[in-house]
Each structure stands twice: as structure tokens, then as C-alpha cells.
Amino acid sequence: MVEVNVARLRELRRHRVLSMRDLEQRSGVSYNTIWRLENGLTGAHPRTLRKLADVLDVDPSELLKEEED
């Protein structure tokens, strides 16, 4: 599991005017998983990250939480 940049995920979803349900339908990732990711309650499997990134039209690395020094 990898840590997701929750603010970036939410920002990209809203920028594309997608609800969590829309993102669920387009990506095949469950609503509950998207909700938990956006609220920082869970990390994502790389496969899940790729599915979300494909729908949001970004590289999966843009959804990763950056390491703090």
C-alpha cells in the first residue's frame, strides 16, 4: 500500500467535476475506497492508484504523498 496525497486526489476529482460516484463508475474503484482515500483513512494499492490516475488523466505519481524530510 502507498500513501495518497488526499488533497491532490480531491482537487483533481473536483477539477474534472466528478463526484465520488462518478469516479467510482469510471474507474471501477469502489465508492467506499475512494471515500477512505480522500479522508486519509487508508493507503492505496498501486493498481487502484493507476485506475484513479487514468480517469483523472494524470500520472499515478501525482497522487502519491510526498515524503517529508
PDB file of N, CA and C in Angstrom:
ATOM      1  N   MET A   1       0.848  -1.189   0.000  1.00  0.00           N
ATOM      2  CA  MET A   1       0.000   0.000   0.000  1.00  0.00           C
ATOM      3  C   MET A   1       0.889   1.247   0.000  1.00  0.00           C
ATOM      4  N   VAL A   2       0.409   2.249  -0.712  1.00  0.00           N
ATOM      5  CA  VAL A   2       1.142   3.513  -0.778  1.00  0.00           C
ATOM      6  C   VAL A   2       0.264   4.625  -0.217  1.00  0.00           C
ATOM      7  N   GLU A   3       0.917   5.652   0.323  1.00  0.00           N
ATOM      8  CA  GLU A   3       0.174   6.788   0.870  1.00  0.00           C
ATOM      9  C   GLU A   3      -0.247   7.706  -0.265  1.00  0.00           C
ATOM     10  N   VAL A   4      -1.477   8.164  -0.190  1.00  0.00           N
ATOM     11  CA  VAL A   4      -2.049   9.013  -1.224  1.00  0.00           C
ATOM     12  C   VAL A   4      -2.083  10.461  -0.742  1.00  0.00           C
ATOM     13  N   ASN A   5      -1.788  11.381  -1.662  1.00  0.00           N
ATOM     14  CA  ASN A   5      -1.928  12.806  -1.376  1.00  0.00           C
ATOM     15  C   ASN A   5      -3.421  13.120  -1.469  1.00  0.00           C
ATOM     16  N   VAL A   6      -4.085  13.137  -0.317  1.00  0.00           N
ATOM     17  CA  VAL A   6      -5.543  13.251  -0.295  1.00  0.00           C
ATOM     18  C   VAL A   6      -6.026  14.576  -0.874  1.00  0.00           C
ATOM     19  N   ALA A   7      -5.324  15.652  -0.595  1.00  0.00           N
ATOM     20  CA  ALA A   7      -5.728  16.962  -1.121  1.00  0.00           C
ATOM     21  C   ALA A   7      -5.629  16.982  -2.644  1.00  0.00           C
ATOM     22  N   ARG A   8      -4.589  16.387  -3.180  1.00  0.00           N
ATOM     23  CA  ARG A   8      -4.401  16.358  -4.639  1.00  0.00           C
ATOM     24  C   ARG A   8      -5.477  15.487  -5.307  1.00  0.00           C
ATOM     25  N   LEU A   9      -5.774  14.348  -4.722  1.00  0.00           N
ATOM     26  CA  LEU A   9      -6.812  13.476  -5.259  1.00  0.00           C
ATOM     27  C   LEU A   9      -8.147  14.217  -5.308  1.00  0.00           C
ATOM     28  N   ARG A  10      -8.514  14.860  -4.217  1.00  0.00           N
ATOM     29  CA  ARG A  10      -9.779  15.599  -4.139  1.00  0.00           C
ATOM     30  C   ARG A  10      -9.788  16.758  -5.135  1.00  0.00           C
ATOM     31  N   GLU A  11      -8.663  17.472  -5.208  1.00  0.00           N
ATOM     32  CA  GLU A  11      -8.553  18.611  -6.126  1.00  0.00           C
ATOM     33  C   GLU A  11      -8.733  18.166  -7.587  1.00  0.00           C
ATOM     34  N   LEU A  12      -8.051  17.093  -7.968  1.00  0.00           N
ATOM     35  CA  LEU A  12      -8.162  16.603  -9.347  1.00  0.00           C
ATOM     36  C   LEU A  12      -9.578  16.117  -9.660  1.00  0.00           C
ATOM     37  N   ARG A  13     -10.196  15.442  -8.728  1.00  0.00           N
ATOM     38  CA  ARG A  13     -11.569  14.952  -8.934  1.00  0.00           C
ATOM     39  C   ARG A  13     -12.520  16.125  -9.100  1.00  0.00           C
ATOM     40  N   ARG A  14     -12.410  17.113  -8.240  1.00  0.00           N
ATOM     41  CA  ARG A  14     -13.311  18.276  -8.315  1.00  0.00           C
ATOM     42  C   ARG A  14     -13.039  19.107  -9.559  1.00  0.00           C
ATOM     43  N   HIS A  15     -11.779  19.234  -9.940  1.00  0.00           N
ATOM     44  CA  HIS A  15     -11.411  19.997 -11.145  1.00  0.00           C
ATOM     45  C   HIS A  15     -12.078  19.403 -12.383  1.00  0.00           C
ATOM     46  N   ARG A  16     -12.231  18.089 -12.399  1.00  0.00           N
ATOM     47  CA  ARG A  16     -12.865  17.411 -13.526  1.00  0.00           C
ATOM     48  C   ARG A  16     -14.378  17.269 -13.330  1.00  0.00           C
ATOM     49  N   VAL A  17     -14.888  17.940 -12.289  1.00  0.00           N
ATOM     50  CA  VAL A  17     -16.312  17.967 -11.971  1.00  0.00           C
ATOM     51  C   VAL A  17     -16.878  16.546 -11.881  1.00  0.00           C
ATOM     52  N   LEU A  18     -16.181  15.729 -11.096  1.00  0.00           N
ATOM     53  CA  LEU A  18     -16.619  14.354 -10.869  1.00  0.00           C
ATOM     54  C   LEU A  18     -17.005  14.177  -9.405  1.00  0.00           C
ATOM     55  N   SER A  19     -18.127  13.550  -9.173  1.00  0.00           N
ATOM     56  CA  SER A  19     -18.473  13.172  -7.800  1.00  0.00           C
ATOM     57  C   SER A  19     -17.713  11.879  -7.485  1.00  0.00           C
ATOM     58  N   MET A  20     -17.735  11.493  -6.238  1.00  0.00           N
ATOM     59  CA  MET A  20     -17.092  10.221  -5.893  1.00  0.00           C
ATOM     60  C   MET A  20     -17.787   9.071  -6.615  1.00  0.00           C
ATOM     61  N   ARG A  21     -19.111   9.163  -6.784  1.00  0.00           N
ATOM     62  CA  ARG A  21     -19.855   8.124  -7.507  1.00  0.00           C
ATOM     63  C   ARG A  21     -19.436   8.079  -8.977  1.00  0.00           C
ATOM     64  N   ASP A  22     -19.233   9.258  -9.594  1.00  0.00           N
ATOM     65  CA  ASP A  22     -18.767   9.306 -10.988  1.00  0.00           C
ATOM     66  C   ASP A  22     -17.405   8.627 -11.114  1.00  0.00           C
ATOM     67  N   LEU A  23     -16.517   8.968 -10.181  1.00  0.00           N
ATOM     68  CA  LEU A  23     -15.176   8.383 -10.203  1.00  0.00           C
ATOM     69  C   LEU A  23     -15.254   6.874 -10.007  1.00  0.00           C
ATOM     70  N   GLU A  24     -16.150   6.431  -9.154  1.00  0.00           N
ATOM     71  CA  GLU A  24     -16.359   5.004  -8.934  1.00  0.00           C
ATOM     72  C   GLU A  24     -16.750   4.316 -10.246  1.00  0.00           C
ATOM     73  N   GLN A  25     -17.733   4.877 -10.934  1.00  0.00           N
ATOM     74  CA  GLN A  25     -18.233   4.265 -12.162  1.00  0.00           C
ATOM     75  C   GLN A  25     -17.172   4.239 -13.261  1.00  0.00           C
ATOM     76  N   ARG A  26     -16.418   5.306 -13.375  1.00  0.00           N
ATOM     77  CA  ARG A  26     -15.426   5.394 -14.451  1.00  0.00           C
ATOM     78  C   ARG A  26     -14.161   4.587 -14.176  1.00  0.00           C
ATOM     79  N   SER A  27     -13.796   4.448 -12.905  1.00  0.00           N
ATOM     80  CA  SER A  27     -12.530   3.783 -12.571  1.00  0.00           C
ATOM     81  C   SER A  27     -12.695   2.318 -12.176  1.00  0.00           C
ATOM     82  N   GLY A  28     -13.893   1.954 -11.692  1.00  0.00           N
ATOM     83  CA  GLY A  28     -14.075   0.608 -11.175  1.00  0.00           C
ATOM     84  C   GLY A  28     -13.594   0.460  -9.738  1.00  0.00           C
ATOM     85  N   VAL A  29     -13.192   1.569  -9.124  1.00  0.00           N
ATOM     86  CA  VAL A  29     -12.771   1.575  -7.717  1.00  0.00           C
ATOM     87  C   VAL A  29     -14.010   1.903  -6.887  1.00  0.00           C
ATOM     88  N   SER A  30     -14.263   1.147  -5.833  1.00  0.00           N
ATOM     89  CA  SER A  30     -15.493   1.332  -5.065  1.00  0.00           C
ATOM     90  C   SER A  30     -15.570   2.712  -4.405  1.00  0.00           C
ATOM     91  N   TYR A  31     -16.815   3.170  -4.243  1.00  0.00           N
ATOM     92  CA  TYR A  31     -17.078   4.443  -3.575  1.00  0.00           C
ATOM     93  C   TYR A  31     -16.432   4.461  -2.198  1.00  0.00           C
ATOM     94  N   ASN A  32     -16.585   3.367  -1.442  1.00  0.00           N
ATOM     95  CA  ASN A  32     -16.023   3.306  -0.081  1.00  0.00           C
ATOM     96  C   ASN A  32     -14.516   3.486  -0.096  1.00  0.00           C
ATOM     97  N   THR A  33     -13.844   2.873  -1.061  1.00  0.00           N
ATOM     98  CA  THR A  33     -12.388   3.014  -1.155  1.00  0.00           C
ATOM     99  C   THR A  33     -12.016   4.455  -1.476  1.00  0.00           C
ATOM    100  N   ILE A  34     -12.709   5.058  -2.430  1.00  0.00           N
ATOM    101  CA  ILE A  34     -12.427   6.456  -2.794  1.00  0.00           C
ATOM    102  C   ILE A  34     -12.659   7.359  -1.585  1.00  0.00           C
ATOM    103  N   TRP A  35     -13.769   7.148  -0.876  1.00  0.00           N
ATOM    104  CA  TRP A  35     -14.066   7.952   0.307  1.00  0.00           C
ATOM    105  C   TRP A  35     -12.964   7.814   1.348  1.00  0.00           C
ATOM    106  N   ARG A  36     -12.546   6.573   1.600  1.00  0.00           N
ATOM    107  CA  ARG A  36     -11.499   6.327   2.602  1.00  0.00           C
ATOM    108  C   ARG A  36     -10.172   6.943   2.169  1.00  0.00           C
ATOM    109  N   LEU A  37      -9.864   6.898   0.880  1.00  0.00           N
ATOM    110  CA  LEU A  37      -8.629   7.520   0.379  1.00  0.00           C
ATOM    111  C   LEU A  37      -8.675   9.034   0.561  1.00  0.00           C
ATOM    112  N   GLU A  38      -9.792   9.635   0.165  1.00  0.00           N
ATOM    113  CA  GLU A  38      -9.907  11.098   0.259  1.00  0.00           C
ATOM    114  C   GLU A  38      -9.933  11.596   1.697  1.00  0.00           C
ATOM    115  N   ASN A  39     -10.281  10.741   2.615  1.00  0.00           N
ATOM    116  CA  ASN A  39     -10.305  11.136   4.025  1.00  0.00           C
ATOM    117  C   ASN A  39      -9.069  10.668   4.786  1.00  0.00           C
ATOM    118  N   GLY A  40      -8.096  10.133   4.049  1.00  0.00           N
ATOM    119  CA  GLY A  40      -6.825   9.749   4.658  1.00  0.00           C
ATOM    120  C   GLY A  40      -6.898   8.557   5.585  1.00  0.00           C
ATOM    121  N   LEU A  41      -7.918   7.720   5.424  1.00  0.00           N
ATOM    122  CA  LEU A  41      -8.091   6.586   6.325  1.00  0.00           C
ATOM    123  C   LEU A  41      -7.375   5.323   5.873  1.00  0.00           C
ATOM    124  N   THR A  42      -6.925   5.308   4.626  1.00  0.00           N
ATOM    125  CA  THR A  42      -6.258   4.124   4.099  1.00  0.00           C
ATOM    126  C   THR A  42      -5.282   4.514   3.007  1.00  0.00           C
ATOM    127  N   GLY A  43      -4.361   3.625   2.736  1.00  0.00           N
ATOM    128  CA  GLY A  43      -3.471   3.792   1.600  1.00  0.00           C
ATOM    129  C   GLY A  43      -4.083   3.088   0.403  1.00  0.00           C
ATOM    130  N   ALA A  44      -3.403   3.164  -0.733  1.00  0.00           N
ATOM    131  CA  ALA A  44      -3.941   2.565  -1.953  1.00  0.00           C
ATOM    132  C   ALA A  44      -2.980   1.514  -2.496  1.00  0.00           C
ATOM    133  N   HIS A  45      -3.544   0.477  -3.083  1.00  0.00           N
ATOM    134  CA  HIS A  45      -2.735  -0.482  -3.818  1.00  0.00           C
ATOM    135  C   HIS A  45      -2.286   0.212  -5.107  1.00  0.00           C
ATOM    136  N   PRO A  46      -1.117  -0.084  -5.622  1.00  0.00           N
ATOM    137  CA  PRO A  46      -0.667   0.539  -6.874  1.00  0.00           C
ATOM    138  C   PRO A  46      -1.683   0.392  -8.014  1.00  0.00           C
ATOM    139  N   ARG A  47      -2.351  -0.741  -8.091  1.00  0.00           N
ATOM    140  CA  ARG A  47      -3.354  -0.975  -9.137  1.00  0.00           C
ATOM    141  C   ARG A  47      -4.514   0.028  -8.998  1.00  0.00           C
ATOM    142  N   THR A  48      -4.939   0.283  -7.775  1.00  0.00           N
ATOM    143  CA  THR A  48      -6.014   1.240  -7.508  1.00  0.00           C
ATOM    144  C   THR A  48      -5.587   2.639  -7.915  1.00  0.00           C
ATOM    145  N   LEU A  49      -4.359   2.990  -7.562  1.00  0.00           N
ATOM    146  CA  LEU A  49      -3.811   4.299  -7.908  1.00  0.00           C
ATOM    147  C   LEU A  49      -3.792   4.494  -9.422  1.00  0.00           C
ATOM    148  N   ARG A  50      -3.396   3.462 -10.164  1.00  0.00           N
ATOM    149  CA  ARG A  50      -3.360   3.548 -11.632  1.00  0.00           C
ATOM    150  C   ARG A  50      -4.758   3.754 -12.205  1.00  0.00           C
ATOM    151  N   LYS A  51      -5.747   3.055 -11.670  1.00  0.00           N
ATOM    152  CA  LYS A  51      -7.122   3.198 -12.159  1.00  0.00           C
ATOM    153  C   LYS A  51      -7.628   4.628 -11.950  1.00  0.00           C
ATOM    154  N   LEU A  52      -7.384   5.176 -10.777  1.00  0.00           N
ATOM    155  CA  LEU A  52      -7.820   6.540 -10.481  1.00  0.00           C
ATOM    156  C   LEU A  52      -7.079   7.548 -11.358  1.00  0.00           C
ATOM    157  N   ALA A  53      -5.779   7.363 -11.494  1.00  0.00           N
ATOM    158  CA  ALA A  53      -4.964   8.276 -12.300  1.00  0.00           C
ATOM    159  C   ALA A  53      -5.403   8.265 -13.758  1.00  0.00           C
ATOM    160  N   ASP A  54      -5.762   7.097 -14.276  1.00  0.00           N
ATOM    161  CA  ASP A  54      -6.225   7.006 -15.666  1.00  0.00           C
ATOM    162  C   ASP A  54      -7.470   7.858 -15.874  1.00  0.00           C
ATOM    163  N   VAL A  55      -8.419   7.768 -14.968  1.00  0.00           N
ATOM    164  CA  VAL A  55      -9.657   8.544 -15.088  1.00  0.00           C
ATOM    165  C   VAL A  55      -9.380  10.035 -14.917  1.00  0.00           C
ATOM    166  N   LEU A  56      -8.467  10.369 -14.012  1.00  0.00           N
ATOM    167  CA  LEU A  56      -8.147  11.777 -13.745  1.00  0.00           C
ATOM    168  C   LEU A  56      -7.143  12.343 -14.742  1.00  0.00           C
ATOM    169  N   ASP A  57      -6.656  11.486 -15.650  1.00  0.00           N
ATOM    170  CA  ASP A  57      -5.734  11.882 -16.719  1.00  0.00           C
ATOM    171  C   ASP A  57      -4.437  12.481 -16.179  1.00  0.00           C
ATOM    172  N   VAL A  58      -3.868  11.799 -15.180  1.00  0.00           N
ATOM    173  CA  VAL A  58      -2.580  12.203 -14.619  1.00  0.00           C
ATOM    174  C   VAL A  58      -1.696  10.972 -14.456  1.00  0.00           C
ATOM    175  N   ASP A  59      -0.424  11.204 -14.243  1.00  0.00           N
ATOM    176  CA  ASP A  59       0.491  10.116 -13.926  1.00  0.00           C
ATOM    177  C   ASP A  59       0.203   9.678 -12.489  1.00  0.00           C
ATOM    178  N   PRO A  60       0.233   8.382 -12.224  1.00  0.00           N
ATOM    179  CA  PRO A  60      -0.039   7.922 -10.847  1.00  0.00           C
ATOM    180  C   PRO A  60       0.836   8.591  -9.786  1.00  0.00           C
ATOM    181  N   SER A  61       2.043   8.986 -10.153  1.00  0.00           N
ATOM    182  CA  SER A  61       2.943   9.624  -9.180  1.00  0.00           C
ATOM    183  C   SER A  61       2.374  10.941  -8.652  1.00  0.00           C
ATOM    184  N   GLU A  62       1.480  11.576  -9.420  1.00  0.00           N
ATOM    185  CA  GLU A  62       0.875  12.830  -8.960  1.00  0.00           C
ATOM    186  C   GLU A  62      -0.073  12.621  -7.786  1.00  0.00           C
ATOM    187  N   LEU A  63      -0.484  11.388  -7.574  1.00  0.00           N
ATOM    188  CA  LEU A  63      -1.409  11.090  -6.476  1.00  0.00           C
ATOM    189  C   LEU A  63      -0.695  10.617  -5.217  1.00  0.00           C
ATOM    190  N   LEU A  64       0.621  10.465  -5.302  1.00  0.00           N
ATOM    191  CA  LEU A  64       1.373   9.985  -4.148  1.00  0.00           C
ATOM    192  C   LEU A  64       1.681  11.110  -3.173  1.00  0.00           C
ATOM    193  N   LYS A  65       1.647  10.768  -1.911  1.00  0.00           N
ATOM    194  CA  LYS A  65       2.030  11.702  -0.877  1.00  0.00           C
ATOM    195  C   LYS A  65       3.547  11.853  -0.919  1.00  0.00           C
ATOM    196  N   GLU A  66       4.008  13.094  -0.918  1.00  0.00           N
ATOM    197  CA  GLU A  66       5.444  13.342  -0.965  1.00  0.00           C
ATOM    198  C   GLU A  66       6.052  13.101   0.407  1.00  0.00           C
ATOM    199  N   GLU A  67       7.250  12.547   0.387  1.00  0.00           N
ATOM    200  CA  GLU A  67       7.962  12.275   1.636  1.00  0.00           C
ATOM    201  C   GLU A  67       8.373  13.581   2.293  1.00  0.00           C
ATOM    202  N   GLU A  68       8.203  13.651   3.604  1.00  0.00           N
ATOM    203  CA  GLU A  68       8.637  14.833   4.350  1.00  0.00           C
ATOM    204  C   GLU A  68      10.030  14.588   4.883  1.00  0.00           C
ATOM    205  N   ASP A  69      10.848  15.634   4.822  1.00  0.00           N
ATOM    206  CA  ASP A  69      12.237  15.499   5.317  1.00  0.00           C
ATOM    207  C   ASP A  69      12.315  15.581   6.812  1.00  0.00           C
TER     208      ASP A  69
END
